């Protein structure tokens, strides 16, 4: 199992190249990680999808970090990685967030 909070800590370092900027590494991480939920987005914009998770998990959006191939959304209690699949759909992987938990 991948330590998601360790991954998140590294993503937040401003000087480092992140998994969000390397499609191969990002896909590899998402294949090995154990998300608590995986969703196929139904909204037109990524901004709307952020709010879907807020409602679904009753979690407040704290911050986002955008990379070339994905977006990390940090909520109180969950983390989500938003990624566009080959069909151009927004897929999001949700993880428990022990760094920012209620």
N, C-alpha and C. Protein backbone atom coordinates (compact mmCIF):
# COMPACT_ATOMS: atom_id res chain seq x y z
N UNK A 1 0.84 -1.18 0.00
CA UNK A 1 0.00 0.00 0.00
C UNK A 1 0.89 1.25 0.00
N UNK A 2 0.50 2.23 -0.73
CA UNK A 2 1.26 3.48 -0.85
C UNK A 2 0.91 4.39 0.31
N UNK A 3 1.92 5.04 0.88
CA UNK A 3 1.68 6.01 1.94
C UNK A 3 1.27 7.33 1.29
N UNK A 4 -0.02 7.58 1.23
CA UNK A 4 -0.54 8.75 0.51
C UNK A 4 -0.13 10.05 1.17
N UNK A 5 -0.07 10.07 2.51
CA UNK A 5 0.27 11.31 3.18
C UNK A 5 1.73 11.68 2.97
N UNK A 6 2.60 10.70 2.84
CA UNK A 6 3.99 10.97 2.50
C UNK A 6 4.07 11.55 1.08
N UNK A 7 3.29 10.97 0.18
CA UNK A 7 3.20 11.46 -1.20
C UNK A 7 2.72 12.91 -1.22
N UNK A 8 1.69 13.19 -0.44
CA UNK A 8 1.13 14.55 -0.40
C UNK A 8 2.15 15.53 0.14
N UNK A 9 2.87 15.15 1.19
CA UNK A 9 3.89 16.04 1.75
C UNK A 9 4.92 16.42 0.68
N UNK A 10 5.32 15.44 -0.13
CA UNK A 10 6.28 15.71 -1.19
C UNK A 10 5.68 16.60 -2.28
N UNK A 11 4.41 16.41 -2.57
CA UNK A 11 3.75 17.25 -3.58
C UNK A 11 3.73 18.71 -3.17
N UNK A 12 3.65 18.96 -1.87
CA UNK A 12 3.52 20.32 -1.39
C UNK A 12 4.84 21.07 -1.34
N UNK A 13 5.95 20.38 -1.58
CA UNK A 13 7.25 21.04 -1.63
C UNK A 13 7.33 21.81 -2.96
N UNK A 14 7.41 23.13 -2.90
CA UNK A 14 7.33 23.93 -4.13
C UNK A 14 8.46 23.69 -5.13
N UNK A 15 9.62 23.27 -4.66
CA UNK A 15 10.76 23.14 -5.58
C UNK A 15 10.85 21.78 -6.25
N UNK A 16 10.06 20.82 -5.81
CA UNK A 16 10.21 19.47 -6.35
C UNK A 16 9.32 19.23 -7.56
N UNK A 17 9.80 18.40 -8.49
CA UNK A 17 8.94 17.94 -9.58
C UNK A 17 8.02 16.90 -8.96
N UNK A 18 6.77 16.95 -9.25
CA UNK A 18 5.81 16.07 -8.60
C UNK A 18 5.29 15.00 -9.53
N UNK A 19 4.61 14.03 -8.94
CA UNK A 19 3.96 13.00 -9.73
C UNK A 19 2.90 13.59 -10.64
N UNK A 20 2.35 14.73 -10.26
CA UNK A 20 1.32 15.37 -11.08
C UNK A 20 1.89 15.87 -12.41
N UNK A 21 3.21 16.00 -12.49
CA UNK A 21 3.86 16.49 -13.71
C UNK A 21 4.45 15.38 -14.56
N UNK A 22 4.32 14.13 -14.13
CA UNK A 22 4.88 13.00 -14.87
C UNK A 22 3.79 11.95 -15.04
N UNK A 23 3.28 11.83 -16.25
CA UNK A 23 2.12 10.96 -16.49
C UNK A 23 2.40 9.50 -16.14
N UNK A 24 3.58 9.00 -16.46
CA UNK A 24 3.92 7.61 -16.16
C UNK A 24 3.95 7.37 -14.66
N UNK A 25 4.59 8.27 -13.91
CA UNK A 25 4.64 8.12 -12.46
C UNK A 25 3.26 8.26 -11.83
N UNK A 26 2.47 9.19 -12.34
CA UNK A 26 1.12 9.38 -11.80
C UNK A 26 0.26 8.14 -12.02
N UNK A 27 0.28 7.60 -13.23
CA UNK A 27 -0.49 6.39 -13.51
C UNK A 27 -0.02 5.24 -12.63
N UNK A 28 1.31 5.11 -12.46
CA UNK A 28 1.86 4.06 -11.60
C UNK A 28 1.41 4.21 -10.16
N UNK A 29 1.42 5.45 -9.67
CA UNK A 29 0.97 5.70 -8.30
C UNK A 29 -0.50 5.33 -8.15
N UNK A 30 -1.33 5.75 -9.09
CA UNK A 30 -2.77 5.50 -8.98
C UNK A 30 -3.09 4.01 -9.08
N UNK A 31 -2.27 3.25 -9.81
CA UNK A 31 -2.48 1.80 -9.89
C UNK A 31 -2.13 1.11 -8.58
N UNK A 32 -1.12 1.61 -7.86
CA UNK A 32 -0.65 0.97 -6.63
C UNK A 32 -1.34 1.49 -5.38
N UNK A 33 -1.82 2.71 -5.42
CA UNK A 33 -2.45 3.31 -4.25
C UNK A 33 -3.77 2.62 -3.96
N UNK A 34 -4.21 2.75 -2.74
CA UNK A 34 -5.47 2.14 -2.32
C UNK A 34 -6.47 3.25 -1.96
N UNK A 35 -7.12 3.83 -2.97
CA UNK A 35 -8.08 4.89 -2.66
C UNK A 35 -9.30 4.32 -1.94
N UNK A 36 -9.96 5.17 -1.16
CA UNK A 36 -11.20 4.72 -0.51
C UNK A 36 -12.37 4.85 -1.47
N UNK A 37 -12.21 5.57 -2.57
CA UNK A 37 -13.27 5.69 -3.58
C UNK A 37 -12.67 6.15 -4.90
N UNK A 38 -13.29 5.72 -5.98
CA UNK A 38 -12.92 6.19 -7.33
C UNK A 38 -14.21 6.62 -8.01
N UNK A 39 -14.20 7.81 -8.57
CA UNK A 39 -15.38 8.36 -9.23
C UNK A 39 -15.06 8.73 -10.68
N UNK A 40 -16.05 8.59 -11.53
CA UNK A 40 -15.99 9.15 -12.88
C UNK A 40 -16.80 10.44 -12.80
N UNK A 41 -16.17 11.54 -13.14
CA UNK A 41 -16.85 12.82 -13.03
C UNK A 41 -18.04 12.95 -13.97
N UNK A 42 -19.01 13.73 -13.54
CA UNK A 42 -20.21 13.95 -14.35
C UNK A 42 -20.40 15.43 -14.69
N UNK A 43 -19.58 16.29 -14.10
CA UNK A 43 -19.70 17.73 -14.33
C UNK A 43 -18.82 18.15 -15.51
N UNK A 44 -19.11 19.31 -16.02
CA UNK A 44 -18.36 19.83 -17.16
C UNK A 44 -17.00 20.38 -16.73
N UNK A 45 -16.95 21.02 -15.57
CA UNK A 45 -15.69 21.64 -15.16
C UNK A 45 -15.11 20.97 -13.92
N UNK A 46 -13.81 21.08 -13.81
CA UNK A 46 -13.11 20.54 -12.65
C UNK A 46 -13.56 21.25 -11.38
N UNK A 47 -13.78 22.55 -11.49
CA UNK A 47 -14.24 23.34 -10.34
C UNK A 47 -15.54 22.78 -9.77
N UNK A 48 -16.46 22.38 -10.64
CA UNK A 48 -17.72 21.78 -10.19
C UNK A 48 -17.48 20.44 -9.50
N UNK A 49 -16.52 19.66 -10.02
CA UNK A 49 -16.20 18.37 -9.41
C UNK A 49 -15.66 18.55 -8.00
N UNK A 50 -14.90 19.62 -7.76
CA UNK A 50 -14.42 19.90 -6.40
C UNK A 50 -15.60 19.99 -5.44
N UNK A 51 -16.67 20.65 -5.88
CA UNK A 51 -17.84 20.83 -5.02
C UNK A 51 -18.64 19.54 -4.84
N UNK A 52 -18.60 18.66 -5.84
CA UNK A 52 -19.26 17.36 -5.70
C UNK A 52 -18.66 16.62 -4.51
N UNK A 53 -17.34 16.62 -4.42
CA UNK A 53 -16.69 15.93 -3.30
C UNK A 53 -16.98 16.62 -1.97
N UNK A 54 -17.05 17.94 -1.98
CA UNK A 54 -17.40 18.65 -0.74
C UNK A 54 -18.74 18.17 -0.21
N UNK A 55 -19.71 18.04 -1.11
CA UNK A 55 -21.04 17.58 -0.69
C UNK A 55 -21.03 16.10 -0.32
N UNK A 56 -20.41 15.29 -1.16
CA UNK A 56 -20.41 13.83 -0.96
C UNK A 56 -19.76 13.43 0.37
N UNK A 57 -18.65 14.07 0.71
CA UNK A 57 -17.90 13.69 1.90
C UNK A 57 -18.05 14.70 3.04
N UNK A 58 -18.89 15.71 2.85
CA UNK A 58 -19.06 16.77 3.84
C UNK A 58 -17.70 17.29 4.29
N UNK A 59 -16.87 17.60 3.31
CA UNK A 59 -15.49 18.03 3.56
C UNK A 59 -15.26 19.39 2.93
N UNK A 60 -14.52 20.23 3.63
CA UNK A 60 -14.22 21.57 3.14
C UNK A 60 -12.93 21.53 2.31
N UNK A 61 -12.98 22.13 1.12
CA UNK A 61 -11.79 22.22 0.27
C UNK A 61 -10.81 23.20 0.89
N UNK A 62 -9.58 22.74 1.12
CA UNK A 62 -8.55 23.57 1.75
C UNK A 62 -7.63 24.20 0.71
N UNK A 63 -7.18 23.39 -0.24
CA UNK A 63 -6.20 23.88 -1.22
C UNK A 63 -6.17 22.94 -2.42
N UNK A 64 -5.64 23.42 -3.52
CA UNK A 64 -5.44 22.57 -4.70
C UNK A 64 -4.02 22.80 -5.22
N UNK A 65 -3.50 21.79 -5.87
CA UNK A 65 -2.19 21.89 -6.51
C UNK A 65 -2.32 21.27 -7.88
N UNK A 66 -2.05 22.06 -8.90
CA UNK A 66 -2.24 21.60 -10.27
C UNK A 66 -0.90 21.23 -10.89
N UNK A 67 -0.87 20.08 -11.54
CA UNK A 67 0.30 19.63 -12.28
C UNK A 67 -0.09 19.49 -13.75
N UNK A 68 0.85 19.06 -14.54
CA UNK A 68 0.61 18.92 -15.98
C UNK A 68 -0.44 17.86 -16.28
N UNK A 69 -0.48 16.77 -15.48
CA UNK A 69 -1.37 15.65 -15.78
C UNK A 69 -2.44 15.38 -14.73
N UNK A 70 -2.42 16.10 -13.64
CA UNK A 70 -3.42 15.86 -12.61
C UNK A 70 -3.53 17.03 -11.66
N UNK A 71 -4.56 16.99 -10.85
CA UNK A 71 -4.78 18.03 -9.84
C UNK A 71 -4.99 17.34 -8.51
N UNK A 72 -4.29 17.82 -7.50
CA UNK A 72 -4.48 17.35 -6.14
C UNK A 72 -5.40 18.32 -5.44
N UNK A 73 -6.46 17.81 -4.82
CA UNK A 73 -7.36 18.65 -4.02
C UNK A 73 -7.26 18.17 -2.58
N UNK A 74 -6.95 19.10 -1.69
CA UNK A 74 -6.80 18.79 -0.27
C UNK A 74 -8.04 19.29 0.46
N UNK A 75 -8.73 18.38 1.09
CA UNK A 75 -9.93 18.69 1.88
C UNK A 75 -9.64 18.37 3.33
N UNK A 76 -10.51 18.82 4.23
CA UNK A 76 -10.37 18.37 5.61
C UNK A 76 -10.95 16.97 5.71
N UNK A 77 -10.11 15.99 5.83
CA UNK A 77 -10.54 14.60 5.96
C UNK A 77 -10.30 13.73 4.75
N UNK A 78 -10.18 14.31 3.56
CA UNK A 78 -9.90 13.51 2.36
C UNK A 78 -8.91 14.25 1.44
N UNK A 79 -8.30 13.48 0.59
CA UNK A 79 -7.46 13.99 -0.49
C UNK A 79 -8.01 13.42 -1.78
N UNK A 80 -7.95 14.17 -2.85
CA UNK A 80 -8.42 13.65 -4.13
C UNK A 80 -7.41 14.01 -5.22
N UNK A 81 -7.18 13.06 -6.10
CA UNK A 81 -6.37 13.33 -7.28
C UNK A 81 -7.30 13.25 -8.48
N UNK A 82 -7.41 14.34 -9.20
CA UNK A 82 -8.24 14.43 -10.40
C UNK A 82 -7.35 14.21 -11.60
N UNK A 83 -7.81 13.36 -12.52
CA UNK A 83 -7.00 12.94 -13.65
C UNK A 83 -7.92 12.74 -14.85
N UNK A 84 -7.52 13.19 -16.02
CA UNK A 84 -8.33 12.95 -17.23
C UNK A 84 -7.91 11.64 -17.85
N UNK A 85 -8.88 10.76 -18.08
CA UNK A 85 -8.56 9.46 -18.69
C UNK A 85 -8.52 9.57 -20.21
N UNK A 86 -8.30 8.44 -20.88
CA UNK A 86 -8.17 8.44 -22.34
C UNK A 86 -9.45 8.86 -23.05
N UNK A 87 -10.59 8.73 -22.38
CA UNK A 87 -11.87 9.15 -22.96
C UNK A 87 -12.17 10.60 -22.65
N UNK A 88 -11.18 11.32 -22.10
CA UNK A 88 -11.31 12.72 -21.73
C UNK A 88 -12.33 12.95 -20.61
N UNK A 89 -12.58 11.92 -19.81
CA UNK A 89 -13.44 12.06 -18.64
C UNK A 89 -12.57 12.40 -17.43
N UNK A 90 -13.13 13.17 -16.51
CA UNK A 90 -12.41 13.45 -15.27
C UNK A 90 -12.67 12.30 -14.32
N UNK A 91 -11.59 11.66 -13.88
CA UNK A 91 -11.68 10.58 -12.91
C UNK A 91 -11.03 11.09 -11.64
N UNK A 92 -11.65 10.83 -10.50
CA UNK A 92 -10.98 11.24 -9.28
C UNK A 92 -10.87 10.10 -8.29
N UNK A 93 -9.69 10.06 -7.67
CA UNK A 93 -9.32 9.04 -6.71
C UNK A 93 -9.31 9.70 -5.34
N UNK A 94 -10.06 9.16 -4.41
CA UNK A 94 -10.22 9.77 -3.10
C UNK A 94 -9.48 8.94 -2.06
N UNK A 95 -8.74 9.62 -1.20
CA UNK A 95 -7.97 8.99 -0.14
C UNK A 95 -8.31 9.64 1.20
N UNK A 96 -8.19 8.87 2.27
CA UNK A 96 -8.33 9.46 3.60
C UNK A 96 -7.14 10.37 3.83
N UNK A 97 -7.37 11.48 4.49
CA UNK A 97 -6.32 12.47 4.73
C UNK A 97 -6.08 12.57 6.23
N UNK A 98 -5.00 11.95 6.71
CA UNK A 98 -4.73 12.05 8.14
C UNK A 98 -3.96 13.32 8.49
N UNK A 99 -3.41 14.00 7.49
CA UNK A 99 -2.71 15.25 7.76
C UNK A 99 -3.69 16.37 8.09
N UNK A 100 -4.84 16.37 7.43
CA UNK A 100 -5.84 17.41 7.63
C UNK A 100 -7.16 16.76 8.00
N UNK A 101 -7.20 16.07 9.11
CA UNK A 101 -8.46 15.42 9.47
C UNK A 101 -9.17 16.22 10.56
N UNK A 102 -10.47 16.03 10.58
CA UNK A 102 -11.28 16.77 11.55
C UNK A 102 -11.11 16.20 12.93
